[in-house]
Amino acid sequence: MLDELSASLAATVRAARVAQELSVNALAERSGVSRAMIGKIERGEAQPTAVLLGRLSGALGMTLSELVARAENTGDLLRRRADQPVWTDPATGYLRRAVSPVTDGPLELVEVELPPGASVSYPADAYVFKYQQLWILDGHLRFHEGSVVHDLHTGDCLQLGPPSPTAFHNPGAVPCRYLVALVKGRS
């Protein structure tokens, strides 16, 4: 059984696809996600991983945060910690907390906790739509940005360059927590 946010994500993916008049086949071609998996996600029969959501959001012309924000839209300008939705990637245990209130504004703040040894990768097109910085709150993050590898530690802040394939890896023995600050609309 899916939690409320996962069920809302399923409906949001389908609604975004239909709004763009995309068939499941067209979304599969754009995203590299199989038609069968898209169908399972849209019907709420499978909980998508962070990687799959990243591929789908990029193919739908939005950020992963925008996709999740649409799924959790409340319209409030204040989002207390207790009300900040937390989504867990079923494949890696990656936790994503939507810190920012859901608005039409360009700024989004997302807190991520990456378990020890976990890795999450995204294709370049998942980053086409934003300006993004990573601020390490606790732990060690090995961030692959194309062919460049950044070893980031508590307090370090990295501005991402032009869109490229990325991989987030926690090589440490404790969880790595980091804040993602992004501005939509930069191409």
C-alpha atoms as a PDB file:
ATOM      1  CA  MET A   1       0.000   0.000   0.000  1.00  0.00           C
ATOM      2  CA  LEU A   2       1.354   3.418  -0.957  1.00  0.00           C
ATOM      3  CA  ASP A   3       1.562   6.319   1.487  1.00  0.00           C
ATOM      4  CA  GLU A   4      -0.388   9.508   0.735  1.00  0.00           C
ATOM      5  CA  LEU A   5       2.547  11.328  -0.930  1.00  0.00           C
ATOM      6  CA  SER A   6       3.421   8.337  -3.133  1.00  0.00           C
ATOM      7  CA  ALA A   7      -0.211   8.007  -4.237  1.00  0.00           C
ATOM      8  CA  SER A   8      -0.289  11.734  -5.008  1.00  0.00           C
ATOM      9  CA  LEU A   9       2.982  11.407  -6.974  1.00  0.00           C
ATOM     10  CA  ALA A  10       1.381   8.681  -9.096  1.00  0.00           C
ATOM     11  CA  ALA A  11      -1.566  10.930  -9.926  1.00  0.00           C
ATOM     12  CA  THR A  12       0.734  13.910 -10.555  1.00  0.00           C
ATOM     13  CA  VAL A  13       2.920  12.026 -13.049  1.00  0.00           C
ATOM     14  CA  ARG A  14      -0.157  10.913 -14.954  1.00  0.00           C
ATOM     15  CA  ALA A  15      -1.726  14.396 -14.879  1.00  0.00           C
ATOM     16  CA  ALA A  16       1.493  16.039 -16.132  1.00  0.00           C
ATOM     17  CA  ARG A  17       1.782  13.479 -18.946  1.00  0.00           C
ATOM     18  CA  VAL A  18      -1.853  13.932 -19.984  1.00  0.00           C
ATOM     19  CA  ALA A  19      -1.625  17.753 -19.763  1.00  0.00           C
ATOM     20  CA  GLN A  20       1.250  17.633 -22.262  1.00  0.00           C
ATOM     21  CA  GLU A  21      -0.723  15.257 -24.477  1.00  0.00           C
ATOM     22  CA  LEU A  22       2.017  12.640 -24.192  1.00  0.00           C
ATOM     23  CA  SER A  23       1.270   8.973 -24.609  1.00  0.00           C
ATOM     24  CA  VAL A  24       2.899   6.508 -22.248  1.00  0.00           C
ATOM     25  CA  ASN A  25       5.059   5.463 -25.233  1.00  0.00           C
ATOM     26  CA  ALA A  26       6.235   9.052 -25.823  1.00  0.00           C
ATOM     27  CA  LEU A  27       7.073   9.554 -22.140  1.00  0.00           C
ATOM     28  CA  ALA A  28       8.930   6.235 -22.135  1.00  0.00           C
ATOM     29  CA  GLU A  29      11.021   7.330 -25.137  1.00  0.00           C
ATOM     30  CA  ARG A  30      11.805  10.737 -23.619  1.00  0.00           C
ATOM     31  CA  SER A  31      12.640   9.417 -20.155  1.00  0.00           C
ATOM     32  CA  GLY A  32      14.231   6.044 -20.798  1.00  0.00           C
ATOM     33  CA  VAL A  33      11.742   4.513 -18.329  1.00  0.00           C
ATOM     34  CA  SER A  34       9.823   1.502 -19.644  1.00  0.00           C
ATOM     35  CA  ARG A  35       6.143   1.798 -20.555  1.00  0.00           C
ATOM     36  CA  ALA A  36       5.338  -0.975 -18.098  1.00  0.00           C
ATOM     37  CA  MET A  37       7.044   0.860 -15.225  1.00  0.00           C
ATOM     38  CA  ILE A  38       5.340   4.165 -16.103  1.00  0.00           C
ATOM     39  CA  GLY A  39       1.997   2.346 -16.079  1.00  0.00           C
ATOM     40  CA  LYS A  40       2.722   0.788 -12.679  1.00  0.00           C
ATOM     41  CA  ILE A  41       3.800   4.160 -11.273  1.00  0.00           C
ATOM     42  CA  GLU A  42       0.710   5.943 -12.611  1.00  0.00           C
ATOM     43  CA  ARG A  43      -1.608   3.244 -11.229  1.00  0.00           C
ATOM     44  CA  GLY A  44       0.119   3.371  -7.848  1.00  0.00           C
ATOM     45  CA  GLU A  45       1.279  -0.232  -8.161  1.00  0.00           C
ATOM     46  CA  ALA A  46       4.981   0.656  -7.804  1.00  0.00           C
ATOM     47  CA  GLN A  47       6.723   3.236  -5.686  1.00  0.00           C
ATOM     48  CA  PRO A  48       9.205   5.033  -7.965  1.00  0.00           C
ATOM     49  CA  THR A  49      12.823   5.488  -6.971  1.00  0.00           C
ATOM     50  CA  ALA A  50      14.530   8.879  -6.917  1.00  0.00           C
ATOM     51  CA  VAL A  51      16.297   7.991 -10.169  1.00  0.00           C
ATOM     52  CA  LEU A  52      13.038   7.115 -11.942  1.00  0.00           C
ATOM     53  CA  LEU A  53      11.343  10.287 -10.676  1.00  0.00           C
ATOM     54  CA  GLY A  54      14.346  12.314 -11.862  1.00  0.00           C
ATOM     55  CA  ARG A  55      14.078  10.807 -15.347  1.00  0.00           C
ATOM     56  CA  LEU A  56      10.322  11.300 -15.527  1.00  0.00           C
ATOM     57  CA  SER A  57      10.407  14.877 -14.236  1.00  0.00           C
ATOM     58  CA  GLY A  58      13.129  15.828 -16.744  1.00  0.00           C
ATOM     59  CA  ALA A  59      11.151  14.265 -19.586  1.00  0.00           C
ATOM     60  CA  LEU A  60       8.082  16.205 -18.446  1.00  0.00           C
ATOM     61  CA  GLY A  61      10.042  19.472 -18.479  1.00  0.00           C
ATOM     62  CA  MET A  62      10.134  20.055 -14.731  1.00  0.00           C
ATOM     63  CA  THR A  63      12.479  19.595 -11.815  1.00  0.00           C
ATOM     64  CA  LEU A  64      12.117  16.673  -9.443  1.00  0.00           C
ATOM     65  CA  SER A  65      11.206  19.212  -6.778  1.00  0.00           C
ATOM     66  CA  GLU A  66       8.464  20.691  -8.994  1.00  0.00           C
ATOM     67  CA  LEU A  67       7.004  17.247  -9.561  1.00  0.00           C
ATOM     68  CA  VAL A  68       6.987  16.497  -5.840  1.00  0.00           C
ATOM     69  CA  ALA A  69       5.699  20.012  -5.042  1.00  0.00           C
ATOM     70  CA  ARG A  70       2.721  19.478  -7.346  1.00  0.00           C
ATOM     71  CA  ALA A  71       1.989  16.231  -5.538  1.00  0.00           C
ATOM     72  CA  GLU A  72       2.077  17.891  -2.127  1.00  0.00           C
ATOM     73  CA  ASN A  73       0.526  21.275  -3.004  1.00  0.00           C
ATOM     74  CA  THR A  74      -1.197  22.898  -0.040  1.00  0.00           C
ATOM     75  CA  GLY A  75      -0.928  26.605  -0.988  1.00  0.00           C
ATOM     76  CA  ASP A  76       0.377  27.610   2.470  1.00  0.00           C
ATOM     77  CA  LEU A  77       3.176  30.198   2.637  1.00  0.00           C
ATOM     78  CA  LEU A  78       4.472  28.744   5.909  1.00  0.00           C
ATOM     79  CA  ARG A  79       5.593  25.148   6.120  1.00  0.00           C
ATOM     80  CA  ARG A  80       6.429  24.051   9.640  1.00  0.00           C
ATOM     81  CA  ARG A  81       8.888  21.189  10.041  1.00  0.00           C
ATOM     82  CA  ALA A  82       6.109  18.864  11.167  1.00  0.00           C
ATOM     83  CA  ASP A  83       4.269  19.627   7.907  1.00  0.00           C
ATOM     84  CA  GLN A  84       7.242  19.186   5.575  1.00  0.00           C
ATOM     85  CA  PRO A  85       6.595  16.036   3.548  1.00  0.00           C
ATOM     86  CA  VAL A  86       9.314  13.410   3.688  1.00  0.00           C
ATOM     87  CA  TRP A  87       9.689  10.904   0.857  1.00  0.00           C
ATOM     88  CA  THR A  88      11.918   7.830   1.078  1.00  0.00           C
ATOM     89  CA  ASP A  89      13.485   6.225  -1.997  1.00  0.00           C
ATOM     90  CA  PRO A  90      12.595   2.535  -1.676  1.00  0.00           C
ATOM     91  CA  ALA A  91      15.817   1.463  -3.425  1.00  0.00           C
ATOM     92  CA  THR A  92      18.411   3.385  -1.398  1.00  0.00           C
ATOM     93  CA  GLY A  93      16.742   4.708   1.747  1.00  0.00           C
ATOM     94  CA  TYR A  94      17.472   8.269   0.545  1.00  0.00           C
ATOM     95  CA  LEU A  95      15.203  10.663   2.478  1.00  0.00           C
ATOM     96  CA  ARG A  96      13.949  13.849   0.818  1.00  0.00           C
ATOM     97  CA  ARG A  97      12.295  16.556   2.922  1.00  0.00           C
ATOM     98  CA  ALA A  98      10.465  19.339   1.054  1.00  0.00           C
ATOM     99  CA  VAL A  99      11.441  22.307   3.234  1.00  0.00           C
ATOM    100  CA  SER A 100       9.978  25.168   1.172  1.00  0.00           C
ATOM    101  CA  PRO A 101       6.306  26.078   1.095  1.00  0.00           C
ATOM    102  CA  VAL A 102       4.725  25.168  -2.234  1.00  0.00           C
ATOM    103  CA  THR A 103       4.448  28.428  -4.186  1.00  0.00           C
ATOM    104  CA  ASP A 104       4.914  29.660  -7.714  1.00  0.00           C
ATOM    105  CA  GLY A 105       8.165  31.337  -6.634  1.00  0.00           C
ATOM    106  CA  PRO A 106      11.478  30.346  -8.202  1.00  0.00           C
ATOM    107  CA  LEU A 107      13.306  29.218  -5.022  1.00  0.00           C
ATOM    108  CA  GLU A 108      13.095  25.703  -3.602  1.00  0.00           C
ATOM    109  CA  LEU A 109      14.863  24.241  -0.571  1.00  0.00           C
ATOM    110  CA  VAL A 110      15.151  20.488  -0.145  1.00  0.00           C
ATOM    111  CA  GLU A 111      16.880  18.626   2.679  1.00  0.00           C
ATOM    112  CA  VAL A 112      18.303  15.217   1.800  1.00  0.00           C
ATOM    113  CA  GLU A 113      19.667  12.461   4.000  1.00  0.00           C
ATOM    114  CA  LEU A 114      21.754   9.875   2.149  1.00  0.00           C
ATOM    115  CA  PRO A 115      22.441   6.681   4.128  1.00  0.00           C
ATOM    116  CA  PRO A 116      26.010   5.348   4.510  1.00  0.00           C
ATOM    117  CA  GLY A 117      27.178   3.637   1.308  1.00  0.00           C
ATOM    118  CA  ALA A 118      24.132   4.773  -0.703  1.00  0.00           C
ATOM    119  CA  SER A 119      24.352   6.260  -4.208  1.00  0.00           C
ATOM    120  CA  VAL A 120      21.782   8.026  -6.399  1.00  0.00           C
ATOM    121  CA  SER A 121      22.463   9.038 -10.025  1.00  0.00           C
ATOM    122  CA  TYR A 122      20.610  11.402 -12.352  1.00  0.00           C
ATOM    123  CA  PRO A 123      20.954  12.103 -16.085  1.00  0.00           C
ATOM    124  CA  ALA A 124      21.945  15.604 -17.254  1.00  0.00           C
ATOM    125  CA  ASP A 125      18.404  16.456 -18.369  1.00  0.00           C
ATOM    126  CA  ALA A 126      17.246  16.298 -14.736  1.00  0.00           C
ATOM    127  CA  TYR A 127      19.269  19.521 -14.191  1.00  0.00           C
ATOM    128  CA  VAL A 128      18.431  21.547 -17.293  1.00  0.00           C
ATOM    129  CA  PHE A 129      15.799  23.692 -15.622  1.00  0.00           C
ATOM    130  CA  LYS A 130      17.575  25.232 -12.648  1.00  0.00           C
ATOM    131  CA  TYR A 131      20.448  26.898 -10.900  1.00  0.00           C
ATOM    132  CA  GLN A 132      21.468  24.697  -7.983  1.00  0.00           C
ATOM    133  CA  GLN A 133      23.753  24.655  -4.953  1.00  0.00           C
ATOM    134  CA  LEU A 134      24.507  21.901  -2.436  1.00  0.00           C
ATOM    135  CA  TRP A 135      25.305  22.762   1.189  1.00  0.00           C
ATOM    136  CA  ILE A 136      26.573  19.888   3.315  1.00  0.00           C
ATOM    137  CA  LEU A 137      24.944  19.970   6.766  1.00  0.00           C
ATOM    138  CA  ASP A 138      26.498  16.789   8.206  1.00  0.00           C
ATOM    139  CA  GLY A 139      28.793  14.071   6.903  1.00  0.00           C
ATOM    140  CA  HIS A 140      30.659  13.425   3.670  1.00  0.00           C
ATOM    141  CA  LEU A 141      29.233  13.542   0.149  1.00  0.00           C
ATOM    142  CA  ARG A 142      31.156  12.413  -2.917  1.00  0.00           C
ATOM    143  CA  PHE A 143      29.405  14.228  -5.736  1.00  0.00           C
ATOM    144  CA  HIS A 144      30.142  13.289  -9.339  1.00  0.00           C
ATOM    145  CA  GLU A 145      29.341  16.119 -11.753  1.00  0.00           C
ATOM    146  CA  GLY A 146      30.098  14.732 -15.180  1.00  0.00           C
ATOM    147  CA  SER A 147      33.766  13.689 -15.044  1.00  0.00           C
ATOM    148  CA  VAL A 148      34.526  15.946 -12.042  1.00  0.00           C
ATOM    149  CA  VAL A 149      34.399  14.472  -8.538  1.00  0.00           C
ATOM    150  CA  HIS A 150      33.833  16.746  -5.539  1.00  0.00           C
ATOM    151  CA  ASP A 151      34.510  15.445  -2.017  1.00  0.00           C
ATOM    152  CA  LEU A 152      32.293  17.618   0.158  1.00  0.00           C
ATOM    153  CA  HIS A 153      32.277  17.764   3.960  1.00  0.00           C
ATOM    154  CA  THR A 154      30.213  19.498   6.662  1.00  0.00           C
ATOM    155  CA  GLY A 155      29.871  23.196   5.846  1.00  0.00           C
ATOM    156  CA  ASP A 156      31.035  22.949   2.222  1.00  0.00           C
ATOM    157  CA  CYS A 157      28.812  24.551  -0.428  1.00  0.00           C
ATOM    158  CA  LEU A 158      29.022  23.739  -4.141  1.00  0.00           C
ATOM    159  CA  GLN A 159      27.397  25.579  -7.019  1.00  0.00           C
ATOM    160  CA  LEU A 160      26.631  23.150  -9.830  1.00  0.00           C
ATOM    161  CA  GLY A 161      27.941  23.930 -13.288  1.00  0.00           C
ATOM    162  CA  PRO A 162      26.254  23.300 -16.642  1.00  0.00           C
ATOM    163  CA  PRO A 163      23.887  20.307 -16.741  1.00  0.00           C
ATOM    164  CA  SER A 164      25.734  16.987 -16.748  1.00  0.00           C
ATOM    165  CA  PRO A 165      25.104  13.473 -15.450  1.00  0.00           C
ATOM    166  CA  THR A 166      25.472  13.404 -11.675  1.00  0.00           C
ATOM    167  CA  ALA A 167      25.885  10.892  -8.883  1.00  0.00           C
ATOM    168  CA  PHE A 168      25.491  11.483  -5.159  1.00  0.00           C
ATOM    169  CA  HIS A 169      27.443   8.976  -3.035  1.00  0.00           C
ATOM    170  CA  ASN A 170      27.916   8.745   0.709  1.00  0.00           C
ATOM    171  CA  PRO A 171      31.264   6.983   1.271  1.00  0.00           C
ATOM    172  CA  GLY A 172      31.068   7.526   5.030  1.00  0.00           C
ATOM    173  CA  ALA A 173      29.886   5.356   7.924  1.00  0.00           C
ATOM    174  CA  VAL A 174      27.188   7.835   9.017  1.00  0.00           C
ATOM    175  CA  PRO A 175      24.306   9.455   7.119  1.00  0.00           C
ATOM    176  CA  CYS A 176      25.130  12.525   5.016  1.00  0.00           C
ATOM    177  CA  ARG A 177      22.651  15.397   5.278  1.00  0.00           C
ATOM    178  CA  TYR A 178      22.680  18.208   2.749  1.00  0.00           C
ATOM    179  CA  LEU A 179      20.513  21.077   1.623  1.00  0.00           C
ATOM    180  CA  VAL A 180      19.717  21.549  -2.043  1.00  0.00           C
ATOM    181  CA  ALA A 181      18.904  25.157  -2.935  1.00  0.00           C
ATOM    182  CA  LEU A 182      17.600  25.592  -6.449  1.00  0.00           C
ATOM    183  CA  VAL A 183      16.153  28.320  -8.592  1.00  0.00           C
ATOM    184  CA  LYS A 184      13.828  27.299 -11.387  1.00  0.00           C
ATOM    185  CA  GLY A 185      13.952  28.853 -14.819  1.00  0.00           C
ATOM    186  CA  ARG A 186      17.660  28.786 -15.635  1.00  0.00           C
ATOM    187  CA  SER A 187      18.431  26.849 -18.804  1.00  0.00           C
END
